[in-house]
N, C-alpha and C. Protein backbone atom coordinates (compact mmCIF):
# COMPACT_ATOMS: atom_id res chain seq x y z
N UNK A 1 5.92 13.42 20.22
CA UNK A 1 6.14 14.37 19.16
C UNK A 1 4.77 14.71 18.56
N UNK A 2 4.51 15.97 18.40
CA UNK A 2 3.19 16.40 17.92
C UNK A 2 3.23 16.79 16.44
N UNK A 3 2.05 16.85 15.86
CA UNK A 3 1.93 17.27 14.47
C UNK A 3 2.47 18.68 14.28
N UNK A 4 2.23 19.55 15.25
CA UNK A 4 2.71 20.93 15.13
C UNK A 4 4.23 20.98 15.03
N UNK A 5 4.93 20.17 15.82
CA UNK A 5 6.39 20.14 15.75
C UNK A 5 6.87 19.71 14.36
N UNK A 6 6.22 18.71 13.80
CA UNK A 6 6.60 18.22 12.47
C UNK A 6 6.32 19.28 11.41
N UNK A 7 5.16 19.90 11.47
CA UNK A 7 4.81 20.90 10.47
C UNK A 7 5.71 22.12 10.55
N UNK A 8 6.12 22.49 11.75
CA UNK A 8 7.05 23.61 11.92
C UNK A 8 8.39 23.29 11.25
N UNK A 9 8.90 22.08 11.50
CA UNK A 9 10.18 21.70 10.89
C UNK A 9 10.07 21.54 9.38
N UNK A 10 8.93 21.03 8.90
CA UNK A 10 8.73 20.90 7.45
C UNK A 10 8.69 22.28 6.80
N UNK A 11 8.06 23.25 7.46
CA UNK A 11 7.99 24.62 6.92
C UNK A 11 9.37 25.28 6.90
N UNK A 12 10.21 24.94 7.85
CA UNK A 12 11.58 25.47 7.85
C UNK A 12 12.38 24.82 6.72
N UNK A 13 12.17 23.52 6.55
CA UNK A 13 12.89 22.78 5.51
C UNK A 13 12.47 23.25 4.12
N UNK A 14 11.17 23.44 3.91
CA UNK A 14 10.66 23.88 2.61
C UNK A 14 9.59 24.94 2.86
N UNK A 15 10.01 26.23 2.94
CA UNK A 15 9.03 27.31 3.14
C UNK A 15 7.95 27.25 2.06
N UNK A 16 6.70 27.51 2.46
CA UNK A 16 5.59 27.35 1.53
C UNK A 16 4.39 28.17 1.97
N UNK A 17 3.39 28.20 1.10
CA UNK A 17 2.14 28.90 1.40
C UNK A 17 0.96 27.94 1.49
N UNK A 18 1.23 26.66 1.66
CA UNK A 18 0.18 25.65 1.73
C UNK A 18 -0.60 25.83 3.02
N UNK A 19 -1.92 25.71 2.93
CA UNK A 19 -2.77 25.90 4.10
C UNK A 19 -2.56 24.78 5.12
N UNK A 20 -2.71 25.14 6.38
CA UNK A 20 -2.50 24.21 7.48
C UNK A 20 -3.38 22.96 7.35
N UNK A 21 -4.66 23.13 7.01
CA UNK A 21 -5.57 21.98 6.91
C UNK A 21 -5.09 20.97 5.88
N UNK A 22 -4.53 21.46 4.79
CA UNK A 22 -4.03 20.56 3.75
C UNK A 22 -2.82 19.77 4.27
N UNK A 23 -1.92 20.45 4.98
CA UNK A 23 -0.75 19.76 5.53
C UNK A 23 -1.15 18.76 6.60
N UNK A 24 -2.17 19.08 7.38
CA UNK A 24 -2.66 18.12 8.37
C UNK A 24 -3.26 16.89 7.69
N UNK A 25 -3.93 17.08 6.56
CA UNK A 25 -4.46 15.95 5.79
C UNK A 25 -3.31 15.06 5.30
N UNK A 26 -2.25 15.67 4.81
CA UNK A 26 -1.09 14.89 4.35
C UNK A 26 -0.48 14.11 5.51
N UNK A 27 -0.35 14.77 6.64
CA UNK A 27 0.22 14.11 7.82
C UNK A 27 -0.67 12.95 8.27
N UNK A 28 -1.97 13.14 8.21
CA UNK A 28 -2.91 12.06 8.55
C UNK A 28 -2.71 10.87 7.60
N UNK A 29 -2.49 11.17 6.34
CA UNK A 29 -2.31 10.11 5.35
C UNK A 29 -1.09 9.25 5.66
N UNK A 30 0.04 9.85 5.96
CA UNK A 30 1.23 9.06 6.26
C UNK A 30 1.09 8.37 7.62
N UNK A 31 0.42 8.99 8.54
CA UNK A 31 0.20 8.37 9.85
C UNK A 31 -0.65 7.10 9.70
N UNK A 32 -1.66 7.13 8.83
CA UNK A 32 -2.48 5.93 8.57
C UNK A 32 -1.63 4.83 7.93
N UNK A 33 -0.75 5.19 7.01
CA UNK A 33 0.12 4.18 6.40
C UNK A 33 1.03 3.53 7.44
N UNK A 34 1.54 4.34 8.35
CA UNK A 34 2.40 3.83 9.43
C UNK A 34 1.60 2.90 10.34
N UNK A 35 0.40 3.32 10.71
CA UNK A 35 -0.45 2.50 11.58
C UNK A 35 -0.81 1.18 10.91
N UNK A 36 -1.10 1.22 9.62
CA UNK A 36 -1.43 0.00 8.89
C UNK A 36 -0.24 -0.96 8.88
N UNK A 37 0.95 -0.43 8.66
CA UNK A 37 2.15 -1.27 8.66
C UNK A 37 2.37 -1.89 10.04
N UNK A 38 2.20 -1.10 11.08
CA UNK A 38 2.37 -1.61 12.44
C UNK A 38 1.37 -2.71 12.74
N UNK A 39 0.13 -2.54 12.30
CA UNK A 39 -0.91 -3.51 12.62
C UNK A 39 -0.67 -4.85 11.92
N UNK A 40 0.00 -4.82 10.78
CA UNK A 40 0.31 -6.07 10.08
C UNK A 40 1.28 -6.93 10.87
N UNK A 41 2.00 -6.31 11.78
CA UNK A 41 3.00 -7.04 12.56
C UNK A 41 2.62 -7.11 14.03
N UNK A 42 1.32 -7.07 14.30
CA UNK A 42 0.82 -7.35 15.63
C UNK A 42 0.72 -6.19 16.59
N UNK A 43 1.13 -5.01 16.19
CA UNK A 43 1.00 -3.86 17.07
C UNK A 43 -0.40 -3.28 16.92
N UNK A 44 -0.96 -2.87 18.03
CA UNK A 44 -2.33 -2.36 17.99
C UNK A 44 -2.40 -0.84 17.96
N UNK A 45 -1.25 -0.17 17.86
CA UNK A 45 -1.27 1.29 17.79
C UNK A 45 -2.08 1.72 16.57
N UNK A 46 -2.99 2.59 16.79
CA UNK A 46 -3.83 3.07 15.69
C UNK A 46 -3.64 4.58 15.55
N UNK A 47 -3.73 5.03 14.33
CA UNK A 47 -3.65 6.46 14.08
C UNK A 47 -4.88 7.14 14.67
N UNK A 48 -4.72 8.39 15.03
CA UNK A 48 -5.84 9.16 15.56
C UNK A 48 -6.95 9.26 14.51
N UNK A 49 -8.17 9.44 14.97
CA UNK A 49 -9.30 9.56 14.05
C UNK A 49 -9.26 10.84 13.23
N UNK A 50 -8.62 11.85 13.78
CA UNK A 50 -8.43 13.10 13.04
C UNK A 50 -7.09 13.68 13.43
N UNK A 51 -6.56 14.51 12.57
CA UNK A 51 -5.24 15.10 12.81
C UNK A 51 -5.41 16.57 13.16
N UNK A 52 -4.90 16.94 14.32
CA UNK A 52 -4.84 18.34 14.73
C UNK A 52 -3.38 18.65 15.05
N UNK A 53 -3.10 19.90 15.31
CA UNK A 53 -1.72 20.27 15.65
C UNK A 53 -1.26 19.62 16.95
N UNK A 54 -2.19 19.26 17.82
CA UNK A 54 -1.83 18.66 19.11
C UNK A 54 -1.75 17.13 19.06
N UNK A 55 -2.07 16.53 17.93
CA UNK A 55 -2.05 15.06 17.82
C UNK A 55 -0.65 14.52 18.06
N UNK A 56 -0.57 13.52 18.94
CA UNK A 56 0.70 12.82 19.17
C UNK A 56 0.87 11.78 18.07
N UNK A 57 2.02 11.79 17.43
CA UNK A 57 2.27 10.88 16.32
C UNK A 57 2.83 9.55 16.81
N UNK A 58 2.68 8.52 15.99
CA UNK A 58 3.05 7.17 16.37
C UNK A 58 4.56 6.95 16.46
N UNK A 59 5.30 7.49 15.51
CA UNK A 59 6.74 7.23 15.49
C UNK A 59 7.48 8.11 16.49
N UNK A 60 8.56 7.57 17.07
CA UNK A 60 9.36 8.38 18.00
C UNK A 60 10.17 9.44 17.26
N UNK A 61 10.70 10.37 18.00
CA UNK A 61 11.43 11.50 17.45
C UNK A 61 12.56 11.09 16.50
N UNK A 62 13.19 9.96 16.76
CA UNK A 62 14.30 9.52 15.91
C UNK A 62 13.88 9.29 14.46
N UNK A 63 12.59 9.15 14.22
CA UNK A 63 12.08 8.93 12.86
C UNK A 63 11.30 10.13 12.34
N UNK A 64 11.52 11.29 12.90
CA UNK A 64 10.75 12.48 12.52
C UNK A 64 10.93 12.86 11.05
N UNK A 65 12.09 12.54 10.47
CA UNK A 65 12.31 12.90 9.07
C UNK A 65 11.35 12.20 8.12
N UNK A 66 10.81 11.07 8.52
CA UNK A 66 9.80 10.41 7.68
C UNK A 66 8.61 11.34 7.51
N UNK A 67 8.14 11.89 8.61
CA UNK A 67 7.00 12.82 8.55
C UNK A 67 7.38 14.10 7.80
N UNK A 68 8.52 14.66 8.17
CA UNK A 68 8.94 15.94 7.58
C UNK A 68 9.06 15.83 6.07
N UNK A 69 9.74 14.79 5.61
CA UNK A 69 9.96 14.69 4.17
C UNK A 69 8.73 14.23 3.40
N UNK A 70 7.77 13.62 4.06
CA UNK A 70 6.50 13.36 3.39
C UNK A 70 5.79 14.70 3.13
N UNK A 71 5.78 15.56 4.12
CA UNK A 71 5.18 16.89 3.94
C UNK A 71 5.93 17.69 2.88
N UNK A 72 7.25 17.65 2.92
CA UNK A 72 8.06 18.35 1.92
C UNK A 72 7.75 17.83 0.53
N UNK A 73 7.68 16.51 0.40
CA UNK A 73 7.38 15.88 -0.87
C UNK A 73 6.03 16.34 -1.41
N UNK A 74 5.02 16.31 -0.56
CA UNK A 74 3.68 16.72 -0.99
C UNK A 74 3.62 18.22 -1.29
N UNK A 75 4.40 19.00 -0.57
CA UNK A 75 4.48 20.44 -0.84
C UNK A 75 5.05 20.68 -2.23
N UNK A 76 6.12 19.96 -2.55
CA UNK A 76 6.72 20.09 -3.89
C UNK A 76 5.74 19.70 -4.98
N UNK A 77 4.96 18.66 -4.74
CA UNK A 77 3.95 18.24 -5.71
C UNK A 77 2.88 19.33 -5.87
N UNK A 78 2.42 19.88 -4.75
CA UNK A 78 1.41 20.94 -4.80
C UNK A 78 1.93 22.17 -5.54
N UNK A 79 3.22 22.41 -5.42
CA UNK A 79 3.84 23.56 -6.11
C UNK A 79 4.20 23.23 -7.56
N UNK A 80 3.91 22.01 -7.98
CA UNK A 80 4.21 21.53 -9.33
C UNK A 80 5.69 21.66 -9.67
N UNK A 81 6.53 21.47 -8.65
CA UNK A 81 7.98 21.47 -8.85
C UNK A 81 8.43 20.01 -8.91
N UNK A 82 8.35 19.45 -10.09
CA UNK A 82 8.54 18.01 -10.27
C UNK A 82 9.98 17.58 -9.96
N UNK A 83 10.96 18.38 -10.30
CA UNK A 83 12.35 18.02 -9.99
C UNK A 83 12.55 17.93 -8.47
N UNK A 84 12.05 18.91 -7.74
CA UNK A 84 12.17 18.88 -6.27
C UNK A 84 11.33 17.74 -5.70
N UNK A 85 10.15 17.52 -6.28
CA UNK A 85 9.28 16.43 -5.84
C UNK A 85 10.01 15.09 -5.96
N UNK A 86 10.64 14.86 -7.11
CA UNK A 86 11.36 13.60 -7.31
C UNK A 86 12.47 13.43 -6.29
N UNK A 87 13.23 14.48 -6.02
CA UNK A 87 14.31 14.40 -5.04
C UNK A 87 13.77 14.17 -3.64
N UNK A 88 12.75 14.93 -3.26
CA UNK A 88 12.17 14.80 -1.92
C UNK A 88 11.58 13.40 -1.72
N UNK A 89 10.88 12.91 -2.74
CA UNK A 89 10.25 11.59 -2.62
C UNK A 89 11.29 10.48 -2.58
N UNK A 90 12.36 10.63 -3.32
CA UNK A 90 13.42 9.61 -3.26
C UNK A 90 13.99 9.53 -1.85
N UNK A 91 14.21 10.68 -1.22
CA UNK A 91 14.72 10.71 0.14
C UNK A 91 13.69 10.13 1.12
N UNK A 92 12.44 10.57 0.99
CA UNK A 92 11.37 10.05 1.84
C UNK A 92 11.23 8.54 1.70
N UNK A 93 11.19 8.05 0.46
CA UNK A 93 11.02 6.62 0.23
C UNK A 93 12.14 5.81 0.88
N UNK A 94 13.37 6.31 0.83
CA UNK A 94 14.47 5.63 1.48
C UNK A 94 14.29 5.57 2.99
N UNK A 95 13.88 6.69 3.58
CA UNK A 95 13.63 6.73 5.02
C UNK A 95 12.51 5.79 5.42
N UNK A 96 11.41 5.82 4.67
CA UNK A 96 10.24 5.02 5.01
C UNK A 96 10.54 3.53 4.85
N UNK A 97 11.21 3.17 3.77
CA UNK A 97 11.56 1.76 3.55
C UNK A 97 12.50 1.26 4.64
N UNK A 98 13.45 2.09 5.02
CA UNK A 98 14.39 1.71 6.08
C UNK A 98 13.64 1.47 7.40
N UNK A 99 12.69 2.37 7.73
CA UNK A 99 11.90 2.18 8.95
C UNK A 99 11.07 0.90 8.87
N UNK A 100 10.44 0.65 7.71
CA UNK A 100 9.61 -0.55 7.55
C UNK A 100 10.44 -1.81 7.78
N UNK A 101 11.63 -1.86 7.20
CA UNK A 101 12.49 -3.04 7.38
C UNK A 101 12.88 -3.21 8.84
N UNK A 102 13.23 -2.11 9.49
CA UNK A 102 13.60 -2.17 10.90
C UNK A 102 12.41 -2.66 11.74
N UNK A 103 11.23 -2.14 11.44
CA UNK A 103 10.03 -2.52 12.19
C UNK A 103 9.76 -4.02 12.04
N UNK A 104 9.88 -4.52 10.80
CA UNK A 104 9.64 -5.95 10.57
C UNK A 104 10.65 -6.81 11.32
N UNK A 105 11.92 -6.40 11.33
CA UNK A 105 12.94 -7.16 12.05
C UNK A 105 12.65 -7.22 13.54
N UNK A 106 12.20 -6.10 14.10
CA UNK A 106 11.99 -6.00 15.54
C UNK A 106 10.62 -6.52 15.99
N UNK A 107 9.72 -6.77 15.07
CA UNK A 107 8.37 -7.19 15.42
C UNK A 107 7.95 -8.41 14.61
N UNK A 108 8.79 -9.40 14.62
CA UNK A 108 8.47 -10.63 13.91
C UNK A 108 7.24 -11.28 14.54
N UNK A 109 6.39 -11.84 13.71
CA UNK A 109 5.22 -12.53 14.27
C UNK A 109 5.67 -13.73 15.10
N UNK A 110 4.92 -14.04 16.12
CA UNK A 110 5.27 -15.19 16.94
C UNK A 110 5.07 -16.47 16.14
N UNK A 111 5.89 -17.49 16.41
CA UNK A 111 5.75 -18.74 15.65
C UNK A 111 4.38 -19.37 15.89
N UNK A 112 3.85 -19.96 14.86
CA UNK A 112 2.54 -20.61 14.97
C UNK A 112 2.67 -21.87 15.82
N UNK A 113 1.71 -22.10 16.66
CA UNK A 113 1.70 -23.33 17.46
C UNK A 113 1.28 -24.48 16.56
N UNK A 114 1.92 -25.58 16.76
CA UNK A 114 1.59 -26.75 15.96
C UNK A 114 0.25 -27.33 16.40
N UNK A 115 -0.58 -27.63 15.45
CA UNK A 115 -1.88 -28.21 15.74
C UNK A 115 -1.76 -29.73 15.71
N UNK A 116 -2.25 -30.37 16.76
CA UNK A 116 -2.16 -31.84 16.83
C UNK A 116 -3.47 -32.47 16.49
């Protein structure tokens, strides 16, 4: 799944006039948070050094709403629409927390070897 696919769906969900570079920065920000969470549980997937429309994102398609609603949330904030921002962020936070819990369950650290 590419950044362009996510940005297209986010623009359909919340039409806006935000510049592409700004939305790519937002997408990079959430991608870094995802990569940091993954690395805490032993995965070595790292976010790309820069975000372009062709960048392949870390999460599979089944979790695309995490990306979409992060962009929607940030768009609402940029538009100073605080009521929409609060609603969008509540939905995003639920999605992100659910993914984090699932990731932790599926990627438990290996048991420590006993030192003799």
